[in-house]
PDB file of N, CA and C in Angstrom:
ATOM      1  N   UNK A   1       0.854  -1.168   0.000  1.00  0.00           N
ATOM      2  CA  UNK A   1       0.000   0.000   0.000  1.00  0.00           C
ATOM      3  C   UNK A   1       0.902   1.233   0.000  1.00  0.00           C
ATOM      4  N   UNK A   2       0.597   2.186  -0.843  1.00  0.00           N
ATOM      5  CA  UNK A   2       1.445   3.372  -0.930  1.00  0.00           C
ATOM      6  C   UNK A   2       1.151   4.314   0.220  1.00  0.00           C
ATOM      7  N   UNK A   3       2.061   5.208   0.390  1.00  0.00           N
ATOM      8  CA  UNK A   3       1.945   6.170   1.487  1.00  0.00           C
ATOM      9  C   UNK A   3       0.719   7.053   1.330  1.00  0.00           C
ATOM     10  N   UNK A   4       0.424   7.502   0.109  1.00  0.00           N
ATOM     11  CA  UNK A   4      -0.745   8.347  -0.148  1.00  0.00           C
ATOM     12  C   UNK A   4      -2.046   7.624   0.117  1.00  0.00           C
ATOM     13  N   UNK A   5      -2.092   6.347  -0.268  1.00  0.00           N
ATOM     14  CA  UNK A   5      -3.300   5.565  -0.037  1.00  0.00           C
ATOM     15  C   UNK A   5      -3.533   5.326   1.458  1.00  0.00           C
ATOM     16  N   UNK A   6      -2.466   5.071   2.192  1.00  0.00           N
ATOM     17  CA  UNK A   6      -2.582   4.903   3.651  1.00  0.00           C
ATOM     18  C   UNK A   6      -3.085   6.187   4.306  1.00  0.00           C
ATOM     19  N   UNK A   7      -2.577   7.319   3.820  1.00  0.00           N
ATOM     20  CA  UNK A   7      -2.986   8.617   4.374  1.00  0.00           C
ATOM     21  C   UNK A   7      -4.482   8.849   4.123  1.00  0.00           C
ATOM     22  N   UNK A   8      -4.962   8.498   2.919  1.00  0.00           N
ATOM     23  CA  UNK A   8      -6.392   8.649   2.606  1.00  0.00           C
ATOM     24  C   UNK A   8      -7.254   7.755   3.495  1.00  0.00           C
ATOM     25  N   UNK A   9      -6.844   6.483   3.657  1.00  0.00           N
ATOM     26  CA  UNK A   9      -7.597   5.565   4.502  1.00  0.00           C
ATOM     27  C   UNK A   9      -7.633   6.062   5.946  1.00  0.00           C
ATOM     28  N   UNK A  10      -6.519   6.583   6.395  1.00  0.00           N
ATOM     29  CA  UNK A  10      -6.464   7.115   7.753  1.00  0.00           C
ATOM     30  C   UNK A  10      -7.417   8.301   7.890  1.00  0.00           C
ATOM     31  N   UNK A  11      -7.435   9.179   6.881  1.00  0.00           N
ATOM     32  CA  UNK A  11      -8.345  10.335   6.913  1.00  0.00           C
ATOM     33  C   UNK A  11      -9.802   9.894   6.902  1.00  0.00           C
ATOM     34  N   UNK A  12     -10.110   8.884   6.085  1.00  0.00           N
ATOM     35  CA  UNK A  12     -11.481   8.370   6.030  1.00  0.00           C
ATOM     36  C   UNK A  12     -11.867   7.752   7.369  1.00  0.00           C
ATOM     37  N   UNK A  13     -10.958   6.992   7.963  1.00  0.00           N
ATOM     38  CA  UNK A  13     -11.245   6.365   9.256  1.00  0.00           C
ATOM     39  C   UNK A  13     -11.479   7.414  10.338  1.00  0.00           C
ATOM     40  N   UNK A  14     -10.671   8.457  10.362  1.00  0.00           N
ATOM     41  CA  UNK A  14     -10.840   9.523  11.358  1.00  0.00           C
ATOM     42  C   UNK A  14     -12.173  10.235  11.145  1.00  0.00           C
ATOM     43  N   UNK A  15     -12.502  10.519   9.892  1.00  0.00           N
ATOM     44  CA  UNK A  15     -13.777  11.181   9.600  1.00  0.00           C
ATOM     45  C   UNK A  15     -14.950  10.308  10.036  1.00  0.00           C
ATOM     46  N   UNK A  16     -14.865   9.003   9.782  1.00  0.00           N
ATOM     47  CA  UNK A  16     -15.937   8.090  10.191  1.00  0.00           C
ATOM     48  C   UNK A  16     -16.083   8.065  11.700  1.00  0.00           C
ATOM     49  N   UNK A  17     -14.968   8.037  12.419  1.00  0.00           N
ATOM     50  CA  UNK A  17     -15.033   8.047  13.889  1.00  0.00           C
ATOM     51  C   UNK A  17     -15.645   9.337  14.407  1.00  0.00           C
ATOM     52  N   UNK A  18     -15.289  10.451  13.795  1.00  0.00           N
ATOM     53  CA  UNK A  18     -15.854  11.723  14.225  1.00  0.00           C
ATOM     54  C   UNK A  18     -17.359  11.767  13.977  1.00  0.00           C
ATOM     55  N   UNK A  19     -17.785  11.267  12.829  1.00  0.00           N
ATOM     56  CA  UNK A  19     -19.222  11.243  12.541  1.00  0.00           C
ATOM     57  C   UNK A  19     -19.959  10.326  13.503  1.00  0.00           C
ATOM     58  N   UNK A  20     -19.386   9.175  13.800  1.00  0.00           N
ATOM     59  CA  UNK A  20     -20.007   8.270  14.773  1.00  0.00           C
ATOM     60  C   UNK A  20     -20.051   8.907  16.148  1.00  0.00           C
ATOM     61  N   UNK A  21     -18.997   9.613  16.509  1.00  0.00           N
ATOM     62  CA  UNK A  21     -18.938  10.271  17.818  1.00  0.00           C
ATOM     63  C   UNK A  21     -20.012  11.313  17.983  1.00  0.00           C
ATOM     64  N   UNK A  22     -20.298  12.081  16.927  1.00  0.00           N
ATOM     65  CA  UNK A  22     -21.351  13.086  17.049  1.00  0.00           C
ATOM     66  C   UNK A  22     -22.715  12.426  17.147  1.00  0.00           C
ATOM     67  N   UNK A  23     -22.890  11.286  16.492  1.00  0.00           N
ATOM     68  CA  UNK A  23     -24.152  10.562  16.610  1.00  0.00           C
ATOM     69  C   UNK A  23     -24.360  10.027  18.007  1.00  0.00           C
ATOM     70  N   UNK A  24     -23.293   9.507  18.633  1.00  0.00           N
ATOM     71  CA  UNK A  24     -23.396   9.016  20.005  1.00  0.00           C
ATOM     72  C   UNK A  24     -23.650  10.159  20.972  1.00  0.00           C
ATOM     73  N   UNK A  25     -23.000  11.291  20.747  1.00  0.00           N
ATOM     74  CA  UNK A  25     -23.179  12.435  21.646  1.00  0.00           C
ATOM     75  C   UNK A  25     -24.614  12.943  21.598  1.00  0.00           C
ATOM     76  N   UNK A  26     -25.227  12.910  20.421  1.00  0.00           N
ATOM     77  CA  UNK A  26     -26.594  13.403  20.303  1.00  0.00           C
ATOM     78  C   UNK A  26     -27.568  12.517  21.063  1.00  0.00           C
ATOM     79  N   UNK A  27     -27.272  11.230  21.187  1.00  0.00           N
ATOM     80  CA  UNK A  27     -28.171  10.339  21.905  1.00  0.00           C
ATOM     81  C   UNK A  27     -27.735  10.108  23.351  1.00  0.00           C
ATOM     82  N   UNK A  28     -26.664  10.720  23.770  1.00  0.00           N
ATOM     83  CA  UNK A  28     -26.151  10.546  25.125  1.00  0.00           C
ATOM     84  C   UNK A  28     -27.043  11.295  26.109  1.00  0.00           C
ATOM     85  N   UNK A  29     -27.644  10.605  27.074  1.00  0.00           N
ATOM     86  CA  UNK A  29     -28.533  11.285  28.021  1.00  0.00           C
ATOM     87  C   UNK A  29     -27.795  12.215  28.978  1.00  0.00           C
ATOM     88  N   UNK A  30     -26.461  12.127  29.032  1.00  0.00           N
ATOM     89  CA  UNK A  30     -25.698  12.984  29.934  1.00  0.00           C
ATOM     90  C   UNK A  30     -25.413  14.356  29.348  1.00  0.00           C
ATOM     91  N   UNK A  31     -25.650  14.538  28.071  1.00  0.00           N
ATOM     92  CA  UNK A  31     -25.368  15.807  27.413  1.00  0.00           C
ATOM     93  C   UNK A  31     -26.461  16.805  27.765  1.00  0.00           C
ATOM     94  N   UNK A  32     -26.084  18.019  28.058  1.00  0.00           N
ATOM     95  CA  UNK A  32     -27.054  19.082  28.300  1.00  0.00           C
ATOM     96  C   UNK A  32     -27.439  19.295  29.754  1.00  0.00           C
ATOM     97  N   UNK A  33     -26.872  18.559  30.680  1.00  0.00           N
ATOM     98  CA  UNK A  33     -27.191  18.742  32.092  1.00  0.00           C
ATOM     99  C   UNK A  33     -26.367  19.897  32.652  1.00  0.00           C
ATOM    100  N   UNK A  34     -26.990  20.722  33.455  1.00  0.00           N
ATOM    101  CA  UNK A  34     -26.296  21.843  34.087  1.00  0.00           C
ATOM    102  C   UNK A  34     -26.444  21.733  35.602  1.00  0.00           C
ATOM    103  N   UNK A  35     -25.601  22.471  36.292  1.00  0.00           N
ATOM    104  CA  UNK A  35     -25.655  22.519  37.748  1.00  0.00           C
ATOM    105  C   UNK A  35     -25.972  23.942  38.169  1.00  0.00           C
ATOM    106  N   UNK A  36     -26.961  24.092  39.030  1.00  0.00           N
ATOM    107  CA  UNK A  36     -27.310  25.385  39.618  1.00  0.00           C
ATOM    108  C   UNK A  36     -27.144  25.241  41.114  1.00  0.00           C
ATOM    109  N   UNK A  37     -26.399  26.163  41.708  1.00  0.00           N
ATOM    110  CA  UNK A  37     -26.144  26.108  43.152  1.00  0.00           C
ATOM    111  C   UNK A  37     -26.896  27.220  43.868  1.00  0.00           C
ATOM    112  N   UNK A  38     -27.375  26.881  45.034  1.00  0.00           N
ATOM    113  CA  UNK A  38     -27.914  27.864  45.968  1.00  0.00           C
ATOM    114  C   UNK A  38     -27.231  27.571  47.299  1.00  0.00           C
ATOM    115  N   UNK A  39     -27.456  28.364  48.327  1.00  0.00           N
ATOM    116  CA  UNK A  39     -26.737  28.122  49.588  1.00  0.00           C
ATOM    117  C   UNK A  39     -26.917  26.721  50.178  1.00  0.00           C
ATOM    118  N   UNK A  40     -28.069  26.090  49.960  1.00  0.00           N
ATOM    119  CA  UNK A  40     -28.329  24.794  50.596  1.00  0.00           C
ATOM    120  C   UNK A  40     -28.679  23.673  49.618  1.00  0.00           C
ATOM    121  N   UNK A  41     -28.724  23.967  48.327  1.00  0.00           N
ATOM    122  CA  UNK A  41     -29.167  22.984  47.343  1.00  0.00           C
ATOM    123  C   UNK A  41     -28.293  23.010  46.095  1.00  0.00           C
ATOM    124  N   UNK A  42     -28.157  21.823  45.470  1.00  0.00           N
ATOM    125  CA  UNK A  42     -27.548  21.674  44.150  1.00  0.00           C
ATOM    126  C   UNK A  42     -28.631  21.128  43.235  1.00  0.00           C
ATOM    127  N   UNK A  43     -28.954  21.851  42.194  1.00  0.00           N
ATOM    128  CA  UNK A  43     -29.965  21.402  41.248  1.00  0.00           C
ATOM    129  C   UNK A  43     -29.258  21.009  39.964  1.00  0.00           C
ATOM    130  N   UNK A  44     -29.467  19.752  39.540  1.00  0.00           N
ATOM    131  CA  UNK A  44     -28.976  19.275  38.255  1.00  0.00           C
ATOM    132  C   UNK A  44     -30.188  19.126  37.347  1.00  0.00           C
ATOM    133  N   UNK A  45     -30.123  19.762  36.175  1.00  0.00           N
ATOM    134  CA  UNK A  45     -31.265  19.739  35.281  1.00  0.00           C
ATOM    135  C   UNK A  45     -30.809  19.738  33.833  1.00  0.00           C
ATOM    136  N   UNK A  46     -31.597  19.117  32.981  1.00  0.00           N
ATOM    137  CA  UNK A  46     -31.358  19.185  31.549  1.00  0.00           C
ATOM    138  C   UNK A  46     -32.356  20.124  30.887  1.00  0.00           C
ATOM    139  N   UNK A  47     -33.051  20.927  31.680  1.00  0.00           N
ATOM    140  CA  UNK A  47     -34.030  21.884  31.162  1.00  0.00           C
ATOM    141  C   UNK A  47     -33.445  23.282  30.997  1.00  0.00           C
ATOM    142  N   UNK A  48     -32.190  23.485  31.364  1.00  0.00           N
ATOM    143  CA  UNK A  48     -31.563  24.787  31.224  1.00  0.00           C
ATOM    144  C   UNK A  48     -31.605  25.587  32.519  1.00  0.00           C
ATOM    145  N   UNK A  49     -30.743  26.598  32.583  1.00  0.00           N
ATOM    146  CA  UNK A  49     -30.646  27.400  33.803  1.00  0.00           C
ATOM    147  C   UNK A  49     -31.921  28.201  34.065  1.00  0.00           C
ATOM    148  N   UNK A  50     -32.588  28.620  33.014  1.00  0.00           N
ATOM    149  CA  UNK A  50     -33.812  29.406  33.171  1.00  0.00           C
ATOM    150  C   UNK A  50     -34.894  28.639  33.936  1.00  0.00           C
ATOM    151  N   UNK A  51     -34.904  27.320  33.789  1.00  0.00           N
ATOM    152  CA  UNK A  51     -35.856  26.485  34.516  1.00  0.00           C
ATOM    153  C   UNK A  51     -35.297  26.025  35.864  1.00  0.00           C
ATOM    154  N   UNK A  52     -33.989  25.795  35.927  1.00  0.00           N
ATOM    155  CA  UNK A  52     -33.383  25.237  37.141  1.00  0.00           C
ATOM    156  C   UNK A  52     -33.244  26.274  38.255  1.00  0.00           C
ATOM    157  N   UNK A  53     -32.962  27.517  37.918  1.00  0.00           N
ATOM    158  CA  UNK A  53     -32.772  28.564  38.939  1.00  0.00           C
ATOM    159  C   UNK A  53     -34.010  28.741  39.808  1.00  0.00           C
ATOM    160  N   UNK A  54     -35.219  28.851  39.240  1.00  0.00           N
ATOM    161  CA  UNK A  54     -36.402  28.981  40.104  1.00  0.00           C
ATOM    162  C   UNK A  54     -36.631  27.762  41.005  1.00  0.00           C
ATOM    163  N   UNK A  55     -36.232  26.580  40.547  1.00  0.00           N
ATOM    164  CA  UNK A  55     -36.379  25.384  41.375  1.00  0.00           C
ATOM    165  C   UNK A  55     -35.515  25.509  42.620  1.00  0.00           C
ATOM    166  N   UNK A  56     -34.266  25.939  42.432  1.00  0.00           N
ATOM    167  CA  UNK A  56     -33.374  26.147  43.584  1.00  0.00           C
ATOM    168  C   UNK A  56     -33.946  27.210  44.517  1.00  0.00           C
ATOM    169  N   UNK A  57     -34.461  28.293  43.955  1.00  0.00           N
ATOM    170  CA  UNK A  57     -35.035  29.366  44.772  1.00  0.00           C
ATOM    171  C   UNK A  57     -36.252  28.892  45.558  1.00  0.00           C
ATOM    172  N   UNK A  58     -37.088  28.078  44.926  1.00  0.00           N
ATOM    173  CA  UNK A  58     -38.278  27.566  45.613  1.00  0.00           C
ATOM    174  C   UNK A  58     -37.907  26.629  46.760  1.00  0.00           C
ATOM    175  N   UNK A  59     -36.896  25.798  46.550  1.00  0.00           N
ATOM    176  CA  UNK A  59     -36.453  24.927  47.644  1.00  0.00           C
ATOM    177  C   UNK A  59     -35.850  25.756  48.778  1.00  0.00           C
ATOM    178  N   UNK A  60     -35.151  26.832  48.457  1.00  0.00           N
ATOM    179  CA  UNK A  60     -34.629  27.721  49.507  1.00  0.00           C
ATOM    180  C   UNK A  60     -35.781  28.353  50.295  1.00  0.00           C
ATOM    181  N   UNK A  61     -36.863  28.731  49.611  1.00  0.00           N
ATOM    182  CA  UNK A  61     -38.020  29.301  50.289  1.00  0.00           C
ATOM    183  C   UNK A  61     -38.668  28.278  51.221  1.00  0.00           C
ATOM    184  N   UNK A  62     -38.805  27.046  50.754  1.00  0.00           N
ATOM    185  CA  UNK A  62     -39.391  25.990  51.590  1.00  0.00           C
ATOM    186  C   UNK A  62     -38.506  25.737  52.805  1.00  0.00           C
ATOM    187  N   UNK A  63     -37.200  25.702  52.595  1.00  0.00           N
ATOM    188  CA  UNK A  63     -36.262  25.525  53.700  1.00  0.00           C
ATOM    189  C   UNK A  63     -36.407  26.657  54.710  1.00  0.00           C
ATOM    190  N   UNK A  64     -36.517  27.877  54.217  1.00  0.00           N
ATOM    191  CA  UNK A  64     -36.710  29.031  55.098  1.00  0.00           C
ATOM    192  C   UNK A  64     -37.992  28.944  55.898  1.00  0.00           C
ATOM    193  N   UNK A  65     -39.047  28.450  55.277  1.00  0.00           N
ATOM    194  CA  UNK A  65     -40.326  28.267  55.966  1.00  0.00           C
ATOM    195  C   UNK A  65     -40.182  27.264  57.105  1.00  0.00           C
ATOM    196  N   UNK A  66     -39.540  26.124  56.829  1.00  0.00           N
ATOM    197  CA  UNK A  66     -39.327  25.125  57.879  1.00  0.00           C
ATOM    198  C   UNK A  66     -38.438  25.686  58.992  1.00  0.00           C
ATOM    199  N   UNK A  67     -37.432  26.458  58.604  1.00  0.00           N
ATOM    200  CA  UNK A  67     -36.531  27.050  59.599  1.00  0.00           C
ATOM    201  C   UNK A  67     -37.291  28.025  60.513  1.00  0.00           C
ATOM    202  N   UNK A  68     -38.196  28.813  59.929  1.00  0.00           N
ATOM    203  CA  UNK A  68     -38.976  29.777  60.718  1.00  0.00           C
ATOM    204  C   UNK A  68     -40.041  29.079  61.566  1.00  0.00           C
ATOM    205  N   UNK A  69     -40.679  28.064  61.023  1.00  0.00           N
ATOM    206  CA  UNK A  69     -41.781  27.399  61.721  1.00  0.00           C
ATOM    207  C   UNK A  69     -41.304  26.460  62.819  1.00  0.00           C
ATOM    208  N   UNK A  70     -40.164  25.831  62.606  1.00  0.00           N
ATOM    209  CA  UNK A  70     -39.645  24.857  63.556  1.00  0.00           C
ATOM    210  C   UNK A  70     -38.229  25.255  63.951  1.00  0.00           C
ATOM    211  N   UNK A  71     -38.134  26.161  64.899  1.00  0.00           N
ATOM    212  CA  UNK A  71     -36.830  26.716  65.283  1.00  0.00           C
ATOM    213  C   UNK A  71     -35.865  25.646  65.790  1.00  0.00           C
ATOM    214  N   UNK A  72     -36.380  24.611  66.431  1.00  0.00           N
ATOM    215  CA  UNK A  72     -35.512  23.561  66.971  1.00  0.00           C
ATOM    216  C   UNK A  72     -35.138  22.495  65.944  1.00  0.00           C
ATOM    217  N   UNK A  73     -35.784  22.514  64.780  1.00  0.00           N
ATOM    218  CA  UNK A  73     -35.519  21.523  63.736  1.00  0.00           C
ATOM    219  C   UNK A  73     -34.219  21.860  63.015  1.00  0.00           C
ATOM    220  N   UNK A  74     -33.383  20.854  62.848  1.00  0.00           N
ATOM    221  CA  UNK A  74     -32.117  21.062  62.135  1.00  0.00           C
ATOM    222  C   UNK A  74     -32.399  21.024  60.628  1.00  0.00           C
ATOM    223  N   UNK A  75     -32.326  22.179  59.976  1.00  0.00           N
ATOM    224  CA  UNK A  75     -32.653  22.268  58.553  1.00  0.00           C
ATOM    225  C   UNK A  75     -31.427  22.518  57.679  1.00  0.00           C
ATOM    226  N   UNK A  76     -30.254  22.523  58.267  1.00  0.00           N
ATOM    227  CA  UNK A  76     -29.028  22.763  57.514  1.00  0.00           C
ATOM    228  C   UNK A  76     -28.139  21.528  57.549  1.00  0.00           C
ATOM    229  N   UNK A  77     -28.251  20.642  56.540  1.00  0.00           N
ATOM    230  CA  UNK A  77     -27.385  19.465  56.515  1.00  0.00           C
ATOM    231  C   UNK A  77     -25.938  19.870  56.230  1.00  0.00           C
ATOM    232  N   UNK A  78     -25.021  18.943  56.491  1.00  0.00           N
ATOM    233  CA  UNK A  78     -23.595  19.232  56.305  1.00  0.00           C
ATOM    234  C   UNK A  78     -23.261  19.529  54.848  1.00  0.00           C
ATOM    235  N   UNK A  79     -23.931  18.856  53.923  1.00  0.00           N
ATOM    236  CA  UNK A  79     -23.695  19.069  52.502  1.00  0.00           C
ATOM    237  C   UNK A  79     -24.976  19.556  51.840  1.00  0.00           C
ATOM    238  N   UNK A  80     -24.856  20.283  50.716  1.00  0.00           N
ATOM    239  CA  UNK A  80     -26.065  20.711  50.005  1.00  0.00           C
ATOM    240  C   UNK A  80     -26.898  19.506  49.554  1.00  0.00           C
ATOM    241  N   UNK A  81     -28.198  19.683  49.547  1.00  0.00           N
ATOM    242  CA  UNK A  81     -29.115  18.637  49.111  1.00  0.00           C
ATOM    243  C   UNK A  81     -29.127  18.616  47.583  1.00  0.00           C
ATOM    244  N   UNK A  82     -29.024  17.423  46.998  1.00  0.00           N
ATOM    245  CA  UNK A  82     -29.013  17.260  45.548  1.00  0.00           C
ATOM    246  C   UNK A  82     -30.430  17.088  45.031  1.00  0.00           C
ATOM    247  N   UNK A  83     -30.772  17.875  44.009  1.00  0.00           N
ATOM    248  CA  UNK A  83     -32.089  17.811  43.391  1.00  0.00           C
ATOM    249  C   UNK A  83     -31.891  17.523  41.906  1.00  0.00           C
ATOM    250  N   UNK A  84     -32.531  16.485  41.397  1.00  0.00           N
ATOM    251  CA  UNK A  84     -32.531  16.199  39.972  1.00  0.00           C
ATOM    252  C   UNK A  84     -33.838  16.719  39.393  1.00  0.00           C
ATOM    253  N   UNK A  85     -33.732  17.669  38.490  1.00  0.00           N
ATOM    254  CA  UNK A  85     -34.917  18.254  37.867  1.00  0.00           C
ATOM    255  C   UNK A  85     -34.921  17.869  36.389  1.00  0.00           C
ATOM    256  N   UNK A  86     -35.653  16.821  36.065  1.00  0.00           N
ATOM    257  CA  UNK A  86     -35.697  16.322  34.684  1.00  0.00           C
ATOM    258  C   UNK A  86     -36.566  17.230  33.826  1.00  0.00           C
ATOM    259  N   UNK A  87     -36.153  17.365  32.592  1.00  0.00           N
ATOM    260  CA  UNK A  87     -36.848  18.233  31.644  1.00  0.00           C
ATOM    261  C   UNK A  87     -38.228  17.708  31.272  1.00  0.00           C
ATOM    262  N   UNK A  88     -38.336  16.376  31.127  1.00  0.00           N
ATOM    263  CA  UNK A  88     -39.601  15.812  30.669  1.00  0.00           C
ATOM    264  C   UNK A  88     -39.713  14.344  31.106  1.00  0.00           C
ATOM    265  N   UNK A  89     -40.798  13.734  30.730  1.00  0.00           N
ATOM    266  CA  UNK A  89     -41.041  12.343  31.125  1.00  0.00           C
ATOM    267  C   UNK A  89     -40.033  11.388  30.489  1.00  0.00           C
ATOM    268  N   UNK A  90     -39.610  11.674  29.267  1.00  0.00           N
ATOM    269  CA  UNK A  90     -38.623  10.808  28.617  1.00  0.00           C
ATOM    270  C   UNK A  90     -37.318  10.772  29.394  1.00  0.00           C
ATOM    271  N   UNK A  91     -36.921  11.893  29.956  1.00  0.00           N
ATOM    272  CA  UNK A  91     -35.715  11.932  30.778  1.00  0.00           C
ATOM    273  C   UNK A  91     -35.919  11.104  32.045  1.00  0.00           C
ATOM    274  N   UNK A  92     -37.095  11.192  32.639  1.00  0.00           N
ATOM    275  CA  UNK A  92     -37.376  10.401  33.832  1.00  0.00           C
ATOM    276  C   UNK A  92     -37.360   8.909  33.514  1.00  0.00           C
ATOM    277  N   UNK A  93     -37.806   8.533  32.328  1.00  0.00           N
ATOM    278  CA  UNK A  93     -37.757   7.129  31.929  1.00  0.00           C
ATOM    279  C   UNK A  93     -36.326   6.629  31.848  1.00  0.00           C
ATOM    280  N   UNK A  94     -35.408   7.498  31.443  1.00  0.00           N
ATOM    281  CA  UNK A  94     -33.999   7.124  31.388  1.00  0.00           C
ATOM    282  C   UNK A  94     -33.425   7.032  32.800  1.00  0.00           C
ATOM    283  N   UNK A  95     -33.797   7.967  33.655  1.00  0.00           N
ATOM    284  CA  UNK A  95     -33.265   7.986  35.028  1.00  0.00           C
ATOM    285  C   UNK A  95     -33.852   6.871  35.895  1.00  0.00           C
ATOM    286  N   UNK A  96     -35.135   6.587  35.723  1.00  0.00           N
ATOM    287  CA  UNK A  96     -35.831   5.592  36.546  1.00  0.00           C
ATOM    288  C   UNK A  96     -36.572   4.590  35.665  1.00  0.00           C
ATOM    289  N   UNK A  97     -35.847   3.765  34.920  1.00  0.00           N
ATOM    290  CA  UNK A  97     -36.524   2.866  33.982  1.00  0.00           C
ATOM    291  C   UNK A  97     -37.442   1.846  34.646  1.00  0.00           C
ATOM    292  N   UNK A  98     -37.135   1.444  35.888  1.00  0.00           N
ATOM    293  CA  UNK A  98     -37.969   0.450  36.559  1.00  0.00           C
ATOM    294  C   UNK A  98     -39.364   0.979  36.863  1.00  0.00           C
ATOM    295  N   UNK A  99     -39.533   2.278  36.931  1.00  0.00           N
ATOM    296  CA  UNK A  99     -40.858   2.848  37.207  1.00  0.00           C
ATOM    297  C   UNK A  99     -41.762   2.858  35.974  1.00  0.00           C
ATOM    298  N   UNK A 100     -41.213   2.603  34.782  1.00  0.00           N
ATOM    299  CA  UNK A 100     -42.006   2.612  33.560  1.00  0.00           C
ATOM    300  C   UNK A 100     -42.097   1.223  32.925  1.00  0.00           C
ATOM    301  N   UNK A 101     -41.815   0.178  33.658  1.00  0.00           N
ATOM    302  CA  UNK A 101     -41.919  -1.185  33.115  1.00  0.00           C
ATOM    303  C   UNK A 101     -43.323  -1.684  33.200  1.00  0.00           C
TER     304      UNK A 101
END
């Protein structure tokens, strides 16, 4: 095999891998997730920051309500509470497949 032919095959192989990689990335359920932080919560969502920020704020409001209503209740855990905010039902099916069997 000549050097030029090997170079072409290598270029074709790289192009094919790149095309396959973009196809896998488009179907990857991990793509598009963002993290929004508030003082006591971490919200992970694939719906975008515009949707995730109010969720964090609402949980902070609920936490504040519990803190005001129950002064003796410990409402501040050592680590922020993790909240998964799925964009739609299809995302929930991926996260919790046993619930849709």
